[in-house]
Amino acid sequence: MQPMRTLTVFLVASLLAACAYTPEPSPDSPDYPVPTGSRLILEQPVTVPRGASVILQDGQTTTLWRTDRYRPYCRLELRTRADTPRVIEPDTFTVTRVRRSDELVSAPNGNRLASAALVMVGSRDQGGPMATLMSTELFLASERQPDAYRLTCSHWDEVSFPRHLTISQLRTALEGLFRLEAAPSGD
């Protein structure tokens, strides 16, 4: 009976220790999202072409077709569509809400494209998702420019072990256009 009791105590202690782990807030951790209350400071004007959004990567505006989706990129969205380009002026936006999501991405014909998944090495591809789209939505507020309401930053990651973008990666994607000042974590 003694060995069973020792095993039970060990398992309970292990479970309690695992539950007590909280990752240290770090801008380099994919487990640490942008805290609500952070500030996103637009340092130079950004032109939104006709429509309601513009893609940003490596501190420059681009198109979705020229975006390297395996590297961090962001979409700045406006509430209203327009037939003419609009300019978002330098301003400070407050992050009012953050939502993270993931979505499997597949090629239209089911073929797997560029992937480094270890499962696929030396095996036949049976189709399925080729990547996971990892997204972080930052909902924005500005009294001067209320039409600018969301910045969604994303990248395609491996299906096996996908990770959300870190704050450092977001900063790199926006560098030169936006400066992200993370608020202290409320956890």
N, C-alpha and C. Protein backbone atom coordinates (compact mmCIF):
# COMPACT_ATOMS: atom_id res chain seq x y z
N MET A 1 0.81 -1.19 0.00
CA MET A 1 0.00 0.00 0.00
C MET A 1 0.86 1.26 0.00
N GLN A 2 2.02 1.20 0.60
CA GLN A 2 2.91 2.36 0.70
C GLN A 2 3.36 2.87 -0.68
N PRO A 3 3.75 2.00 -1.63
CA PRO A 3 4.17 2.50 -2.94
C PRO A 3 3.04 3.25 -3.67
N MET A 4 1.80 2.80 -3.55
CA MET A 4 0.67 3.47 -4.21
C MET A 4 0.45 4.86 -3.61
N ARG A 5 0.59 4.97 -2.31
CA ARG A 5 0.41 6.26 -1.64
C ARG A 5 1.52 7.23 -2.07
N THR A 6 2.74 6.75 -2.15
CA THR A 6 3.86 7.58 -2.58
C THR A 6 3.65 8.06 -4.01
N LEU A 7 3.20 7.16 -4.88
CA LEU A 7 2.93 7.53 -6.26
C LEU A 7 1.82 8.57 -6.35
N THR A 8 0.77 8.41 -5.58
CA THR A 8 -0.34 9.36 -5.58
C THR A 8 0.12 10.74 -5.12
N VAL A 9 0.90 10.79 -4.05
CA VAL A 9 1.41 12.07 -3.55
C VAL A 9 2.31 12.71 -4.61
N PHE A 10 3.15 11.94 -5.25
CA PHE A 10 4.03 12.47 -6.30
C PHE A 10 3.22 13.05 -7.46
N LEU A 11 2.20 12.32 -7.92
CA LEU A 11 1.38 12.79 -9.04
C LEU A 11 0.63 14.07 -8.68
N VAL A 12 0.05 14.14 -7.50
CA VAL A 12 -0.68 15.33 -7.07
C VAL A 12 0.28 16.52 -6.96
N ALA A 13 1.46 16.31 -6.39
CA ALA A 13 2.44 17.39 -6.27
C ALA A 13 2.90 17.86 -7.65
N SER A 14 3.09 16.93 -8.58
CA SER A 14 3.50 17.30 -9.94
C SER A 14 2.43 18.12 -10.64
N LEU A 15 1.17 17.72 -10.51
CA LEU A 15 0.08 18.46 -11.12
C LEU A 15 -0.04 19.87 -10.54
N LEU A 16 0.09 19.99 -9.23
CA LEU A 16 0.02 21.31 -8.60
C LEU A 16 1.18 22.20 -9.03
N ALA A 17 2.35 21.63 -9.16
CA ALA A 17 3.51 22.40 -9.61
C ALA A 17 3.32 22.87 -11.05
N ALA A 18 2.76 22.01 -11.90
CA ALA A 18 2.53 22.39 -13.30
C ALA A 18 1.50 23.50 -13.41
N CYS A 19 0.47 23.47 -12.58
CA CYS A 19 -0.56 24.51 -12.61
C CYS A 19 -0.04 25.84 -12.10
N ALA A 20 0.96 25.83 -11.27
CA ALA A 20 1.47 27.07 -10.68
C ALA A 20 2.38 27.84 -11.63
N TYR A 21 2.80 27.23 -12.74
CA TYR A 21 3.72 27.89 -13.66
C TYR A 21 3.00 29.00 -14.43
N THR A 22 3.54 30.18 -14.35
CA THR A 22 3.06 31.31 -15.14
C THR A 22 4.26 31.87 -15.88
N PRO A 23 4.20 31.91 -17.22
CA PRO A 23 5.36 32.42 -17.95
C PRO A 23 5.64 33.88 -17.59
N GLU A 24 6.89 34.20 -17.51
CA GLU A 24 7.32 35.56 -17.20
C GLU A 24 6.97 36.47 -18.38
N PRO A 25 6.29 37.60 -18.14
CA PRO A 25 5.97 38.50 -19.25
C PRO A 25 7.26 38.96 -19.95
N SER A 26 7.31 38.73 -21.24
CA SER A 26 8.49 39.10 -22.01
C SER A 26 8.06 39.45 -23.42
N PRO A 27 8.60 40.52 -23.99
CA PRO A 27 8.25 40.85 -25.38
C PRO A 27 8.75 39.81 -26.38
N ASP A 28 9.57 38.86 -25.92
CA ASP A 28 10.08 37.82 -26.81
C ASP A 28 9.36 36.49 -26.64
N SER A 29 8.28 36.48 -25.85
CA SER A 29 7.54 35.24 -25.61
C SER A 29 6.24 35.23 -26.41
N PRO A 30 5.98 34.15 -27.15
CA PRO A 30 4.70 34.05 -27.86
C PRO A 30 3.52 33.83 -26.91
N ASP A 31 3.82 33.55 -25.64
CA ASP A 31 2.76 33.35 -24.64
C ASP A 31 2.31 34.66 -24.00
N TYR A 32 2.95 35.76 -24.34
CA TYR A 32 2.66 37.05 -23.72
C TYR A 32 2.04 37.99 -24.75
N PRO A 33 0.71 38.16 -24.74
CA PRO A 33 0.07 39.03 -25.73
C PRO A 33 0.26 40.51 -25.38
N VAL A 34 -0.01 41.37 -26.33
CA VAL A 34 0.04 42.81 -26.10
C VAL A 34 -1.02 43.13 -25.04
N PRO A 35 -0.64 43.78 -23.94
CA PRO A 35 -1.62 44.09 -22.90
C PRO A 35 -2.59 45.20 -23.34
N THR A 36 -3.83 45.08 -22.90
CA THR A 36 -4.81 46.14 -23.11
C THR A 36 -4.28 47.40 -22.43
N GLY A 37 -4.50 48.55 -23.05
CA GLY A 37 -3.99 49.80 -22.52
C GLY A 37 -2.65 50.20 -23.13
N SER A 38 -2.07 49.32 -23.94
CA SER A 38 -0.82 49.67 -24.62
C SER A 38 -1.09 50.81 -25.60
N ARG A 39 -0.01 51.47 -26.01
CA ARG A 39 -0.15 52.58 -26.95
C ARG A 39 0.57 52.24 -28.25
N LEU A 40 -0.10 52.53 -29.35
CA LEU A 40 0.45 52.34 -30.68
C LEU A 40 0.59 53.73 -31.28
N ILE A 41 1.82 54.17 -31.47
CA ILE A 41 2.10 55.53 -31.89
C ILE A 41 2.49 55.54 -33.37
N LEU A 42 1.63 56.14 -34.19
CA LEU A 42 1.92 56.28 -35.61
C LEU A 42 2.88 57.45 -35.77
N GLU A 43 4.06 57.19 -36.31
CA GLU A 43 5.12 58.19 -36.39
C GLU A 43 5.16 58.94 -37.71
N GLN A 44 4.49 58.45 -38.73
CA GLN A 44 4.43 59.15 -40.01
C GLN A 44 3.11 58.81 -40.69
N PRO A 45 2.67 59.66 -41.61
CA PRO A 45 1.39 59.40 -42.27
C PRO A 45 1.40 58.07 -43.02
N VAL A 46 0.26 57.39 -43.02
CA VAL A 46 0.08 56.15 -43.77
C VAL A 46 -1.10 56.35 -44.71
N THR A 47 -0.87 56.09 -45.98
CA THR A 47 -1.94 56.22 -46.97
C THR A 47 -2.66 54.88 -47.11
N VAL A 48 -3.96 54.92 -46.94
CA VAL A 48 -4.80 53.74 -47.14
C VAL A 48 -5.39 53.86 -48.54
N PRO A 49 -5.03 52.95 -49.44
CA PRO A 49 -5.58 53.04 -50.80
C PRO A 49 -7.10 52.87 -50.76
N ARG A 50 -7.73 53.04 -51.89
CA ARG A 50 -9.19 52.89 -51.89
C ARG A 50 -9.56 51.56 -51.24
N GLY A 51 -10.66 51.56 -50.57
CA GLY A 51 -11.08 50.42 -49.79
C GLY A 51 -11.07 50.79 -48.31
N ALA A 52 -10.66 49.86 -47.46
CA ALA A 52 -10.71 50.12 -46.03
C ALA A 52 -9.51 49.61 -45.26
N SER A 53 -8.43 49.20 -45.96
CA SER A 53 -7.28 48.68 -45.22
C SER A 53 -6.00 48.82 -46.03
N VAL A 54 -4.88 48.69 -45.30
CA VAL A 54 -3.57 48.72 -45.93
C VAL A 54 -2.70 47.69 -45.20
N ILE A 55 -1.84 47.01 -45.96
CA ILE A 55 -0.94 46.00 -45.41
C ILE A 55 0.40 46.65 -45.10
N LEU A 56 0.98 46.28 -43.95
CA LEU A 56 2.27 46.80 -43.51
C LEU A 56 3.21 45.62 -43.24
N GLN A 57 4.43 45.72 -43.76
CA GLN A 57 5.44 44.71 -43.46
C GLN A 57 6.81 45.38 -43.52
N ASP A 58 7.64 45.10 -42.54
CA ASP A 58 8.99 45.68 -42.45
C ASP A 58 8.95 47.21 -42.48
N GLY A 59 7.93 47.80 -41.87
CA GLY A 59 7.84 49.24 -41.78
C GLY A 59 7.44 49.94 -43.06
N GLN A 60 6.88 49.19 -44.01
CA GLN A 60 6.46 49.77 -45.28
C GLN A 60 5.06 49.29 -45.63
N THR A 61 4.35 50.10 -46.42
CA THR A 61 3.07 49.64 -46.93
C THR A 61 3.33 48.73 -48.12
N THR A 62 2.46 47.76 -48.31
CA THR A 62 2.62 46.80 -49.40
C THR A 62 1.24 46.29 -49.79
N THR A 63 1.20 45.33 -50.67
CA THR A 63 -0.06 44.69 -51.05
C THR A 63 -0.05 43.26 -50.51
N LEU A 64 -1.20 42.67 -50.42
CA LEU A 64 -1.28 41.30 -49.92
C LEU A 64 -0.50 40.35 -50.83
N TRP A 65 -0.48 40.63 -52.13
CA TRP A 65 0.20 39.74 -53.08
C TRP A 65 1.71 39.83 -52.98
N ARG A 66 2.23 40.93 -52.44
CA ARG A 66 3.68 41.09 -52.28
C ARG A 66 4.14 40.76 -50.86
N THR A 67 3.23 40.37 -50.01
CA THR A 67 3.54 40.08 -48.62
C THR A 67 4.13 38.68 -48.47
N ASP A 68 5.20 38.56 -47.69
CA ASP A 68 5.74 37.26 -47.32
C ASP A 68 4.94 36.81 -46.10
N ARG A 69 3.99 35.94 -46.30
CA ARG A 69 3.05 35.56 -45.24
C ARG A 69 3.68 34.70 -44.15
N TYR A 70 4.88 34.21 -44.38
CA TYR A 70 5.57 33.44 -43.35
C TYR A 70 6.33 34.35 -42.39
N ARG A 71 6.38 35.64 -42.69
CA ARG A 71 7.00 36.63 -41.82
C ARG A 71 5.91 37.56 -41.30
N PRO A 72 6.12 38.21 -40.14
CA PRO A 72 5.09 39.08 -39.57
C PRO A 72 4.68 40.21 -40.52
N TYR A 73 3.37 40.39 -40.64
CA TYR A 73 2.80 41.49 -41.41
C TYR A 73 1.52 41.94 -40.70
N CYS A 74 1.10 43.17 -40.95
CA CYS A 74 -0.07 43.71 -40.27
C CYS A 74 -1.02 44.35 -41.28
N ARG A 75 -2.28 44.39 -40.92
CA ARG A 75 -3.30 45.06 -41.73
C ARG A 75 -3.94 46.13 -40.85
N LEU A 76 -3.80 47.39 -41.26
CA LEU A 76 -4.45 48.51 -40.57
C LEU A 76 -5.80 48.70 -41.23
N GLU A 77 -6.86 48.64 -40.42
CA GLU A 77 -8.22 48.68 -40.96
C GLU A 77 -8.97 49.92 -40.51
N LEU A 78 -9.78 50.44 -41.44
CA LEU A 78 -10.66 51.57 -41.16
C LEU A 78 -12.10 51.07 -41.08
N ARG A 79 -12.93 51.81 -40.38
CA ARG A 79 -14.34 51.41 -40.24
C ARG A 79 -15.12 51.55 -41.55
N THR A 80 -14.75 52.53 -42.36
CA THR A 80 -15.52 52.81 -43.57
C THR A 80 -14.67 52.60 -44.82
N ARG A 81 -15.33 52.20 -45.89
CA ARG A 81 -14.68 52.03 -47.19
C ARG A 81 -14.76 53.36 -47.94
N ALA A 82 -13.82 53.57 -48.85
CA ALA A 82 -13.85 54.77 -49.69
C ALA A 82 -13.30 54.42 -51.07
N ASP A 83 -13.74 55.17 -52.06
CA ASP A 83 -13.27 54.96 -53.42
C ASP A 83 -11.98 55.71 -53.72
N THR A 84 -11.54 56.54 -52.78
CA THR A 84 -10.31 57.31 -52.96
C THR A 84 -9.37 57.02 -51.80
N PRO A 85 -8.06 57.20 -52.02
CA PRO A 85 -7.10 56.98 -50.93
C PRO A 85 -7.34 57.96 -49.79
N ARG A 86 -7.02 57.51 -48.57
CA ARG A 86 -7.11 58.36 -47.38
C ARG A 86 -5.81 58.27 -46.62
N VAL A 87 -5.53 59.32 -45.85
CA VAL A 87 -4.28 59.38 -45.09
C VAL A 87 -4.60 59.34 -43.60
N ILE A 88 -3.94 58.41 -42.90
CA ILE A 88 -4.01 58.37 -41.44
C ILE A 88 -2.80 59.16 -40.95
N GLU A 89 -3.07 60.22 -40.22
CA GLU A 89 -2.02 61.12 -39.75
C GLU A 89 -1.35 60.59 -38.49
N PRO A 90 -0.11 61.02 -38.21
CA PRO A 90 0.55 60.62 -36.96
C PRO A 90 -0.36 60.88 -35.77
N ASP A 91 -0.43 59.91 -34.88
CA ASP A 91 -1.37 59.97 -33.76
C ASP A 91 -0.98 58.88 -32.76
N THR A 92 -1.59 58.94 -31.59
CA THR A 92 -1.42 57.88 -30.59
C THR A 92 -2.74 57.15 -30.44
N PHE A 93 -2.69 55.85 -30.65
CA PHE A 93 -3.87 54.99 -30.55
C PHE A 93 -3.73 54.14 -29.29
N THR A 94 -4.81 53.99 -28.56
CA THR A 94 -4.81 53.14 -27.38
C THR A 94 -5.39 51.78 -27.75
N VAL A 95 -4.75 50.73 -27.29
CA VAL A 95 -5.24 49.37 -27.53
C VAL A 95 -6.32 49.09 -26.49
N THR A 96 -7.57 48.97 -26.96
CA THR A 96 -8.71 48.78 -26.05
C THR A 96 -9.05 47.31 -25.83
N ARG A 97 -8.65 46.46 -26.78
CA ARG A 97 -8.96 45.04 -26.67
C ARG A 97 -7.99 44.28 -27.55
N VAL A 98 -7.67 43.06 -27.14
CA VAL A 98 -6.77 42.20 -27.91
C VAL A 98 -7.44 40.84 -28.09
N ARG A 99 -7.39 40.34 -29.30
CA ARG A 99 -7.94 39.01 -29.57
C ARG A 99 -6.93 38.24 -30.41
N ARG A 100 -6.63 37.03 -29.98
CA ARG A 100 -5.71 36.16 -30.73
C ARG A 100 -6.51 35.01 -31.31
N SER A 101 -6.11 34.58 -32.51
CA SER A 101 -6.81 33.47 -33.14
C SER A 101 -5.83 32.67 -34.00
N ASP A 102 -6.26 31.48 -34.36
CA ASP A 102 -5.48 30.66 -35.28
C ASP A 102 -6.45 29.97 -36.23
N GLU A 103 -5.97 29.76 -37.45
CA GLU A 103 -6.82 29.18 -38.49
C GLU A 103 -5.94 28.35 -39.41
N LEU A 104 -6.38 27.16 -39.74
CA LEU A 104 -5.62 26.30 -40.65
C LEU A 104 -5.76 26.83 -42.07
N VAL A 105 -4.65 26.81 -42.83
CA VAL A 105 -4.63 27.30 -44.20
C VAL A 105 -4.30 26.13 -45.11
N SER A 106 -5.11 25.94 -46.14
CA SER A 106 -4.89 24.85 -47.09
C SER A 106 -4.82 25.40 -48.49
N ALA A 107 -4.08 24.71 -49.34
CA ALA A 107 -4.04 25.06 -50.76
C ALA A 107 -5.37 24.64 -51.37
N PRO A 108 -5.85 25.34 -52.39
CA PRO A 108 -7.14 25.02 -52.99
C PRO A 108 -7.27 23.57 -53.45
N ASN A 109 -6.19 22.96 -53.95
CA ASN A 109 -6.27 21.58 -54.42
C ASN A 109 -5.86 20.57 -53.37
N GLY A 110 -5.59 21.03 -52.15
CA GLY A 110 -5.22 20.12 -51.08
C GLY A 110 -3.75 19.80 -51.00
N ASN A 111 -2.93 20.31 -51.94
CA ASN A 111 -1.49 20.03 -51.91
C ASN A 111 -0.81 20.85 -50.83
N ARG A 112 0.19 20.25 -50.23
CA ARG A 112 0.98 20.96 -49.23
C ARG A 112 2.07 21.72 -49.97
N LEU A 113 2.21 23.00 -49.65
CA LEU A 113 3.25 23.81 -50.26
C LEU A 113 4.48 23.77 -49.38
N ALA A 114 5.29 24.81 -49.34
CA ALA A 114 6.53 24.84 -48.56
C ALA A 114 6.25 24.55 -47.10
N SER A 115 6.84 23.50 -46.57
CA SER A 115 6.64 23.14 -45.17
C SER A 115 7.87 22.40 -44.68
N ALA A 116 8.21 22.65 -43.42
CA ALA A 116 9.35 21.96 -42.83
C ALA A 116 8.89 20.99 -41.76
N ALA A 117 7.63 20.62 -41.78
CA ALA A 117 7.10 19.72 -40.75
C ALA A 117 7.87 18.40 -40.79
N LEU A 118 8.37 17.96 -39.64
CA LEU A 118 9.14 16.73 -39.57
C LEU A 118 8.32 15.52 -39.96
N VAL A 119 7.02 15.59 -39.74
CA VAL A 119 6.15 14.47 -40.06
C VAL A 119 6.17 14.19 -41.55
N MET A 120 6.41 15.22 -42.37
CA MET A 120 6.33 15.06 -43.81
C MET A 120 7.63 14.52 -44.41
N VAL A 121 8.73 14.56 -43.68
CA VAL A 121 10.02 14.13 -44.23
C VAL A 121 9.96 12.63 -44.52
N GLY A 122 10.20 12.29 -45.78
CA GLY A 122 10.24 10.90 -46.18
C GLY A 122 8.90 10.19 -46.20
N SER A 123 7.81 10.93 -46.11
CA SER A 123 6.51 10.28 -46.14
C SER A 123 5.69 10.84 -47.29
N ARG A 124 4.62 10.18 -47.61
CA ARG A 124 3.73 10.66 -48.65
C ARG A 124 2.77 11.67 -48.06
N ASP A 125 2.57 12.74 -48.77
CA ASP A 125 1.66 13.78 -48.32
C ASP A 125 0.23 13.33 -48.60
N GLN A 126 -0.58 13.32 -47.58
CA GLN A 126 -1.98 12.93 -47.73
C GLN A 126 -2.90 14.15 -47.79
N GLY A 127 -2.33 15.31 -48.09
CA GLY A 127 -3.14 16.52 -48.13
C GLY A 127 -3.25 17.11 -46.74
N GLY A 128 -4.19 18.00 -46.55
CA GLY A 128 -4.37 18.63 -45.26
C GLY A 128 -3.81 20.03 -45.25
N PRO A 129 -3.88 20.68 -44.10
CA PRO A 129 -3.44 22.07 -44.03
C PRO A 129 -1.94 22.20 -44.27
N MET A 130 -1.56 23.32 -44.90
CA MET A 130 -0.15 23.56 -45.18
C MET A 130 0.47 24.49 -44.15
N ALA A 131 -0.36 25.24 -43.42
CA ALA A 131 0.15 26.19 -42.44
C ALA A 131 -0.98 26.55 -41.47
N THR A 132 -0.60 27.24 -40.41
CA THR A 132 -1.57 27.79 -39.48
C THR A 132 -1.42 29.31 -39.51
N LEU A 133 -2.50 30.01 -39.77
CA LEU A 133 -2.50 31.47 -39.74
C LEU A 133 -2.68 31.90 -38.29
N MET A 134 -1.64 32.49 -37.73
CA MET A 134 -1.67 32.96 -36.34
C MET A 134 -1.88 34.47 -36.36
N SER A 135 -2.94 34.96 -35.73
CA SER A 135 -3.29 36.38 -35.80
C SER A 135 -3.48 36.99 -34.43
N THR A 136 -3.08 38.25 -34.31
CA THR A 136 -3.30 39.05 -33.12
C THR A 136 -4.00 40.32 -33.57
N GLU A 137 -5.23 40.53 -33.08
CA GLU A 137 -5.98 41.73 -33.42
C GLU A 137 -5.87 42.73 -32.28
N LEU A 138 -5.45 43.95 -32.61
CA LEU A 138 -5.39 45.04 -31.65
C LEU A 138 -6.49 46.02 -32.02
N PHE A 139 -7.48 46.17 -31.16
CA PHE A 139 -8.56 47.12 -31.40
C PHE A 139 -8.12 48.48 -30.87
N LEU A 140 -8.25 49.50 -31.72
CA LEU A 140 -7.65 50.80 -31.45
C LEU A 140 -8.69 51.87 -31.16
N ALA A 141 -8.27 52.88 -30.40
CA ALA A 141 -9.11 54.04 -30.14
C ALA A 141 -8.28 55.30 -30.25
N SER A 142 -8.84 56.30 -30.93
CA SER A 142 -8.23 57.62 -31.05
C SER A 142 -9.36 58.64 -31.17
N GLU A 143 -9.29 59.69 -30.37
CA GLU A 143 -10.32 60.73 -30.47
C GLU A 143 -10.21 61.48 -31.79
N ARG A 144 -8.99 61.71 -32.26
CA ARG A 144 -8.78 62.47 -33.49
C ARG A 144 -9.10 61.69 -34.75
N GLN A 145 -8.89 60.37 -34.74
CA GLN A 145 -9.08 59.55 -35.94
C GLN A 145 -9.83 58.25 -35.58
N PRO A 146 -11.11 58.39 -35.23
CA PRO A 146 -11.86 57.21 -34.79
C PRO A 146 -12.12 56.18 -35.89
N ASP A 147 -11.91 56.57 -37.16
CA ASP A 147 -12.14 55.62 -38.25
C ASP A 147 -11.10 54.50 -38.27
N ALA A 148 -9.89 54.76 -37.76
CA ALA A 148 -8.87 53.72 -37.67
C ALA A 148 -9.18 52.89 -36.43
N TYR A 149 -9.60 51.65 -36.64
CA TYR A 149 -10.10 50.90 -35.48
C TYR A 149 -9.40 49.58 -35.18
N ARG A 150 -8.65 49.01 -36.13
CA ARG A 150 -8.05 47.70 -35.82
C ARG A 150 -6.75 47.52 -36.58
N LEU A 151 -5.79 46.90 -35.89
CA LEU A 151 -4.53 46.48 -36.50
C LEU A 151 -4.42 44.99 -36.25
N THR A 152 -4.45 44.21 -37.33
CA THR A 152 -4.35 42.76 -37.22
C THR A 152 -2.98 42.33 -37.74
N CYS A 153 -2.19 41.73 -36.86
CA CYS A 153 -0.85 41.26 -37.23
C CYS A 153 -0.86 39.74 -37.28
N SER A 154 -0.26 39.19 -38.34
CA SER A 154 -0.37 37.76 -38.59
C SER A 154 0.93 37.21 -39.17
N HIS A 155 0.98 35.91 -39.23
CA HIS A 155 1.99 35.17 -39.99
C HIS A 155 1.53 33.74 -40.12
N TRP A 156 2.02 33.05 -41.17
CA TRP A 156 1.77 31.64 -41.33
C TRP A 156 2.86 30.90 -40.58
N ASP A 157 2.47 29.89 -39.82
CA ASP A 157 3.43 29.10 -39.06
C ASP A 157 3.16 27.63 -39.32
N GLU A 158 4.06 26.79 -38.86
CA GLU A 158 3.93 25.35 -39.03
C GLU A 158 2.64 24.84 -38.39
N VAL A 159 2.07 23.82 -38.98
CA VAL A 159 0.85 23.21 -38.45
C VAL A 159 1.14 22.50 -37.13
N SER A 160 2.32 21.86 -37.03
CA SER A 160 2.61 21.04 -35.85
C SER A 160 2.76 21.82 -34.56
N PHE A 161 3.48 22.92 -34.58
CA PHE A 161 3.73 23.70 -33.36
C PHE A 161 3.61 25.19 -33.66
N PRO A 162 2.42 25.67 -33.97
CA PRO A 162 2.28 27.09 -34.31
C PRO A 162 2.44 27.98 -33.07
N ARG A 163 2.99 29.18 -33.29
CA ARG A 163 3.18 30.12 -32.19
C ARG A 163 2.67 31.49 -32.62
N HIS A 164 2.10 32.19 -31.66
CA HIS A 164 1.67 33.56 -31.92
C HIS A 164 2.88 34.47 -32.05
N LEU A 165 2.68 35.60 -32.70
CA LEU A 165 3.74 36.59 -32.82
C LEU A 165 4.08 37.16 -31.45
N THR A 166 5.34 37.44 -31.25
CA THR A 166 5.78 38.09 -30.01
C THR A 166 5.64 39.60 -30.19
N ILE A 167 5.68 40.32 -29.08
CA ILE A 167 5.66 41.78 -29.15
C ILE A 167 6.87 42.27 -29.94
N SER A 168 8.01 41.65 -29.77
CA SER A 168 9.21 42.03 -30.53
C SER A 168 8.99 41.86 -32.03
N GLN A 169 8.34 40.78 -32.45
CA GLN A 169 8.07 40.56 -33.87
C GLN A 169 7.08 41.60 -34.41
N LEU A 170 6.08 41.95 -33.59
CA LEU A 170 5.14 43.00 -34.00
C LEU A 170 5.89 44.32 -34.22
N ARG A 171 6.77 44.63 -33.29
CA ARG A 171 7.55 45.88 -33.40
C ARG A 171 8.39 45.88 -34.68
N THR A 172 8.98 44.75 -35.03
CA THR A 172 9.79 44.67 -36.24
C THR A 172 8.93 44.89 -37.49
N ALA A 173 7.75 44.30 -37.53
CA ALA A 173 6.86 44.47 -38.69
C ALA A 173 6.43 45.92 -38.86
N LEU A 174 6.31 46.65 -37.76
CA LEU A 174 5.79 48.02 -37.78
C LEU A 174 6.88 49.08 -37.72
N GLU A 175 8.12 48.67 -37.48
CA GLU A 175 9.23 49.60 -37.26
C GLU A 175 9.32 50.66 -38.36
N GLY A 176 9.43 51.91 -37.95
CA GLY A 176 9.51 53.02 -38.89
C GLY A 176 8.18 53.68 -39.15
N LEU A 177 7.09 52.95 -38.94
CA LEU A 177 5.75 53.50 -39.08
C LEU A 177 5.09 53.70 -37.72
N PHE A 178 5.04 52.62 -36.96
CA PHE A 178 4.42 52.63 -35.64
C PHE A 178 5.46 52.31 -34.57
N ARG A 179 5.24 52.82 -33.39
CA ARG A 179 6.01 52.43 -32.22
C ARG A 179 5.00 51.85 -31.23
N LEU A 180 5.28 50.66 -30.75
CA LEU A 180 4.39 49.98 -29.80
C LEU A 180 4.95 50.11 -28.40
N GLU A 181 4.21 50.78 -27.52
CA GLU A 181 4.59 50.90 -26.12
C GLU A 181 3.65 50.01 -25.32
N ALA A 182 4.16 48.86 -24.88
CA ALA A 182 3.35 47.89 -24.15
C ALA A 182 3.06 48.39 -22.75
N ALA A 183 1.79 48.31 -22.36
CA ALA A 183 1.38 48.67 -21.01
C ALA A 183 1.82 47.56 -20.06
N PRO A 184 1.96 47.87 -18.77
CA PRO A 184 2.28 46.81 -17.81
C PRO A 184 1.18 45.74 -17.85
N SER A 185 1.59 44.51 -17.70
CA SER A 185 0.63 43.40 -17.70
C SER A 185 -0.25 43.46 -16.47
N GLY A 186 -1.55 43.21 -16.68
CA GLY A 186 -2.49 43.22 -15.57
C GLY A 186 -2.57 41.89 -14.84
N ASP A 187 -1.81 40.89 -15.28
CA ASP A 187 -1.89 39.55 -14.66
C ASP A 187 -1.18 39.48 -13.37
